[in-house]
Amino acid sequence: MTPDASSSSIERLVAVLVVIFTVEAGKLRILLIRRSADPFKDHWSLPGGRLLPADSLAEAATRRLEVETGVTDVFLEQLYTFSDLDEAGSIAAAYWALVDPNRAKLPDRLEWQPRWYAVDDLPDLAFLNGNVVQYAVTRLRNKLAYSNVAYSLLAAEFTLSQLQQVYEAILGRSMDKRNFRKRIISLDIIEPTGRFSGQGRHRPAQLYAFKERRPVVF
């Protein structure tokens, strides 16, 4: 086999998957696609596809994110490379992204339909994609403890209650309001905007913003 033929064979075996998270109605959710072709026709799977010869992994992941949500200027990071998701041993380079649900615009199409699913209520997934989702959820929860990645799930301005709801949805548990606010303020990753939310029957809540809308480790 010539070097060029060997390279082409490897390229055909590489797929790129994107685990796209959002938080909506107090739930951590991921985007799934209903497959319209075999194998696993009518099953749900993560968005993805074969890596094109001219693409880098990051380019392929970014394009898939844009196709499925309409956004690219969000948190997107390589997750892991899997080689045991199908019987053929294909290589799947997985990425994960965090998207504000108010910005995501899911495509309206008759085939390969997208849908948000709560991570604690997933259907049976094709290609052992459940293993990828489980790994991504663990990675997200761990990263939340030492970085500001929650910025990508929120609007530019938000209340502390909205921020706490995002943390609780990701971690899957309730948090003490006073302790949460004390901890977040001490991290110095958000700042008050001087504006207030006009929603609700109670007094307006102060609005905050992340000091950096890019990944920062603390």
Protein backbone atom coordinates (compact mmCIF):
# COMPACT_ATOMS: atom_id res chain seq x y z
CA MET A 1 0.00 0.00 0.00
CA THR A 2 1.35 3.41 -0.95
CA PRO A 3 1.67 6.20 1.66
CA ASP A 4 -1.15 8.16 -0.04
CA ALA A 5 -3.49 5.19 0.01
CA SER A 6 -2.75 4.56 3.69
CA SER A 7 -3.50 8.21 4.51
CA SER A 8 -6.82 8.11 2.65
CA SER A 9 -7.86 4.96 4.47
CA ILE A 10 -7.22 6.58 7.84
CA GLU A 11 -9.14 9.70 6.87
CA ARG A 12 -12.22 7.65 5.96
CA LEU A 13 -12.25 6.12 9.42
CA VAL A 14 -12.18 9.43 11.31
CA ALA A 15 -15.42 11.05 12.46
CA VAL A 16 -15.97 14.25 14.40
CA LEU A 17 -18.70 14.40 17.07
CA VAL A 18 -19.89 17.48 18.95
CA VAL A 19 -21.60 17.29 22.34
CA ILE A 20 -23.59 20.53 22.45
CA PHE A 21 -24.85 21.48 25.91
CA THR A 22 -27.36 24.08 26.96
CA VAL A 23 -29.29 24.85 30.14
CA GLU A 24 -33.01 25.45 29.77
CA ALA A 25 -35.92 25.26 32.23
CA GLY A 26 -33.53 24.25 35.00
CA LYS A 27 -32.18 21.24 33.09
CA LEU A 28 -28.82 20.47 31.53
CA ARG A 29 -29.59 19.39 27.97
CA ILE A 30 -27.71 18.12 24.94
CA LEU A 31 -28.54 18.32 21.26
CA LEU A 32 -29.34 15.04 19.53
CA ILE A 33 -30.07 14.24 15.89
CA ARG A 34 -32.64 11.67 14.72
CA ARG A 35 -30.87 9.57 12.14
CA SER A 36 -32.55 9.26 8.74
CA ALA A 37 -30.32 6.52 7.32
CA ASP A 38 -28.76 3.23 8.29
CA PRO A 39 -27.03 2.19 10.41
CA PHE A 40 -29.28 2.96 13.38
CA LYS A 41 -31.99 4.61 11.28
CA ASP A 42 -34.54 6.47 13.48
CA HIS A 43 -32.22 6.28 16.48
CA TRP A 44 -30.84 9.41 18.12
CA SER A 45 -27.16 10.29 17.99
CA LEU A 46 -24.77 13.17 18.57
CA PRO A 47 -24.23 15.65 15.74
CA GLY A 48 -21.22 14.76 13.65
CA GLY A 49 -19.85 13.36 10.44
CA ARG A 50 -16.81 12.08 8.66
CA LEU A 51 -13.71 14.25 8.64
CA LEU A 52 -13.10 15.70 5.18
CA PRO A 53 -9.53 15.48 3.84
CA ALA A 54 -9.16 19.26 3.71
CA ASP A 55 -10.48 19.85 7.25
CA SER A 56 -8.77 20.05 10.59
CA LEU A 57 -10.64 18.54 13.53
CA ALA A 58 -11.38 22.00 14.95
CA GLU A 59 -12.71 23.24 11.60
CA ALA A 60 -15.01 20.25 11.27
CA ALA A 61 -16.33 20.67 14.84
CA THR A 62 -16.89 24.41 14.39
CA ARG A 63 -18.78 23.88 11.15
CA ARG A 64 -20.99 21.21 12.69
CA LEU A 65 -21.73 23.49 15.65
CA GLU A 66 -22.74 26.29 13.29
CA VAL A 67 -24.91 24.02 11.14
CA GLU A 68 -26.83 22.74 14.15
CA THR A 69 -27.12 25.90 16.27
CA GLY A 70 -26.26 28.89 14.08
CA VAL A 71 -23.47 30.07 16.42
CA THR A 72 -19.71 29.66 16.58
CA ASP A 73 -18.54 32.32 19.09
CA VAL A 74 -19.13 30.06 22.09
CA PHE A 75 -17.07 27.74 24.25
CA LEU A 76 -15.84 24.84 22.09
CA GLU A 77 -13.08 22.46 23.15
CA GLN A 78 -11.79 19.03 22.20
CA LEU A 79 -13.12 16.42 24.58
CA TYR A 80 -11.52 13.05 23.81
CA THR A 81 -10.72 10.68 20.97
CA PHE A 82 -12.73 7.44 21.05
CA SER A 83 -11.97 4.27 19.10
CA ASP A 84 -14.57 1.87 20.49
CA LEU A 85 -17.94 3.37 19.52
CA ASP A 86 -18.70 0.93 16.70
CA GLU A 87 -17.73 -2.58 15.63
CA ALA A 88 -15.36 -1.26 12.95
CA GLY A 89 -13.21 0.53 15.51
CA SER A 90 -13.61 3.86 13.77
CA ILE A 91 -11.88 6.84 15.33
CA ALA A 92 -14.24 9.52 16.68
CA ALA A 93 -12.74 12.83 17.75
CA ALA A 94 -15.27 14.36 20.14
CA TYR A 95 -15.65 18.05 20.95
CA TRP A 96 -17.98 19.73 23.41
CA ALA A 97 -19.66 23.12 23.29
CA LEU A 98 -21.79 25.29 25.58
CA VAL A 99 -24.60 27.33 24.02
CA ASP A 100 -27.07 29.90 25.36
CA PRO A 101 -30.52 28.51 24.41
CA ASN A 102 -31.73 32.00 23.50
CA ARG A 103 -29.06 32.25 20.81
CA ALA A 104 -29.28 28.73 19.39
CA LYS A 105 -31.43 28.42 16.26
CA LEU A 106 -32.01 24.78 15.46
CA PRO A 107 -32.52 24.04 11.76
CA ASP A 108 -36.04 23.19 10.58
CA ARG A 109 -35.58 20.15 8.35
CA LEU A 110 -37.56 17.03 7.50
CA GLU A 111 -34.65 14.62 7.89
CA TRP A 112 -31.88 14.39 10.49
CA GLN A 113 -34.08 16.41 12.82
CA PRO A 114 -32.43 18.03 15.88
CA ARG A 115 -33.88 18.09 19.39
CA TRP A 116 -32.74 19.06 22.87
CA TYR A 117 -32.82 16.26 25.45
CA ALA A 118 -32.28 16.49 29.20
CA VAL A 119 -29.12 14.56 30.09
CA ASP A 120 -31.01 12.66 32.80
CA ASP A 121 -33.68 11.50 30.35
CA LEU A 122 -31.92 10.39 27.18
CA PRO A 123 -33.25 7.90 24.63
CA ASP A 124 -31.17 4.93 23.52
CA LEU A 125 -28.32 6.37 21.47
CA ALA A 126 -26.64 5.04 18.34
CA PHE A 127 -22.94 4.09 18.18
CA LEU A 128 -22.48 3.96 21.95
CA ASN A 129 -22.84 7.74 21.98
CA GLY A 130 -24.04 7.43 25.55
CA ASN A 131 -20.42 6.82 26.58
CA VAL A 132 -19.41 10.10 24.96
CA VAL A 133 -22.23 11.99 26.70
CA GLN A 134 -21.32 10.53 30.10
CA TYR A 135 -17.69 11.52 29.66
CA ALA A 136 -18.67 15.02 28.53
CA VAL A 137 -20.98 15.59 31.51
CA THR A 138 -18.21 14.56 33.90
CA ARG A 139 -15.76 16.86 32.13
CA LEU A 140 -18.19 19.78 32.28
CA ARG A 141 -18.86 19.31 35.99
CA ASN A 142 -15.15 19.13 36.75
CA LYS A 143 -14.33 22.17 34.63
CA LEU A 144 -17.04 24.21 36.32
CA ALA A 145 -15.06 23.93 39.56
CA TYR A 146 -11.99 25.73 38.24
CA SER A 147 -13.04 27.87 35.29
CA ASN A 148 -15.59 30.40 34.09
CA VAL A 149 -17.09 28.25 31.31
CA ALA A 150 -20.64 29.02 32.50
CA TYR A 151 -20.30 32.32 30.60
CA SER A 152 -21.15 30.50 27.37
CA LEU A 153 -24.53 29.37 28.70
CA LEU A 154 -25.76 32.83 29.70
CA ALA A 155 -26.65 36.13 28.10
CA ALA A 156 -24.19 39.00 28.33
CA GLU A 157 -25.98 40.22 31.48
CA PHE A 158 -27.61 38.01 34.09
CA THR A 159 -28.72 37.92 37.71
CA LEU A 160 -26.95 35.88 40.36
CA SER A 161 -30.06 33.71 40.60
CA GLN A 162 -29.80 32.89 36.89
CA LEU A 163 -26.13 32.04 37.29
CA GLN A 164 -26.90 29.79 40.26
CA GLN A 165 -29.58 28.00 38.24
CA VAL A 166 -26.98 27.19 35.57
CA TYR A 167 -24.59 25.78 38.17
CA GLU A 168 -27.35 23.72 39.77
CA ALA A 169 -28.49 22.33 36.41
CA ILE A 170 -24.95 21.25 35.53
CA LEU A 171 -24.16 19.75 38.92
CA GLY A 172 -27.58 18.17 39.32
CA ARG A 173 -28.13 19.44 42.85
CA SER A 174 -29.37 22.46 44.78
CA MET A 175 -26.91 24.96 46.26
CA ASP A 176 -27.19 27.23 49.26
CA LYS A 177 -27.92 30.73 47.95
CA ARG A 178 -25.73 32.63 50.40
CA ASN A 179 -22.74 30.32 50.05
CA PHE A 180 -22.99 30.28 46.28
CA ARG A 181 -23.01 34.06 46.00
CA LYS A 182 -20.13 34.42 48.44
CA ARG A 183 -18.08 31.89 46.48
CA ILE A 184 -18.81 33.42 43.06
CA ILE A 185 -18.01 36.96 44.16
CA SER A 186 -14.75 35.79 45.76
CA LEU A 187 -13.59 34.25 42.45
CA ASP A 188 -13.60 37.72 40.85
CA ILE A 189 -14.84 36.41 37.50
CA ILE A 190 -18.02 38.51 37.35
CA GLU A 191 -18.78 42.16 37.96
CA PRO A 192 -21.95 44.25 38.48
CA THR A 193 -23.09 46.17 35.41
CA GLY A 194 -24.88 48.93 37.30
CA ARG A 195 -28.16 47.84 35.74
CA PHE A 196 -31.09 45.93 37.18
CA SER A 197 -33.52 43.33 35.97
CA GLY A 198 -37.10 44.55 35.69
CA GLN A 199 -38.60 41.07 35.75
CA GLY A 200 -40.59 39.58 38.61
CA ARG A 201 -42.87 40.93 41.31
CA HIS A 202 -40.06 41.62 43.77
CA ARG A 203 -37.53 44.41 43.76
CA PRO A 204 -35.30 44.45 40.67
CA ALA A 205 -32.24 42.20 40.84
CA GLN A 206 -28.79 43.50 40.08
CA LEU A 207 -27.35 42.43 36.74
CA TYR A 208 -23.84 41.02 36.41
CA ALA A 209 -21.50 40.20 33.56
CA PHE A 210 -18.48 37.93 33.21
CA LYS A 211 -15.26 39.91 33.14
CA GLU A 212 -14.04 37.63 30.35
CA ARG A 213 -16.25 35.92 27.79
CA ARG A 214 -13.54 33.42 26.98
CA PRO A 215 -12.24 30.47 28.99
CA VAL A 216 -10.38 31.54 32.13
CA VAL A 217 -8.95 29.16 34.73
CA PHE A 218 -8.81 30.18 38.39
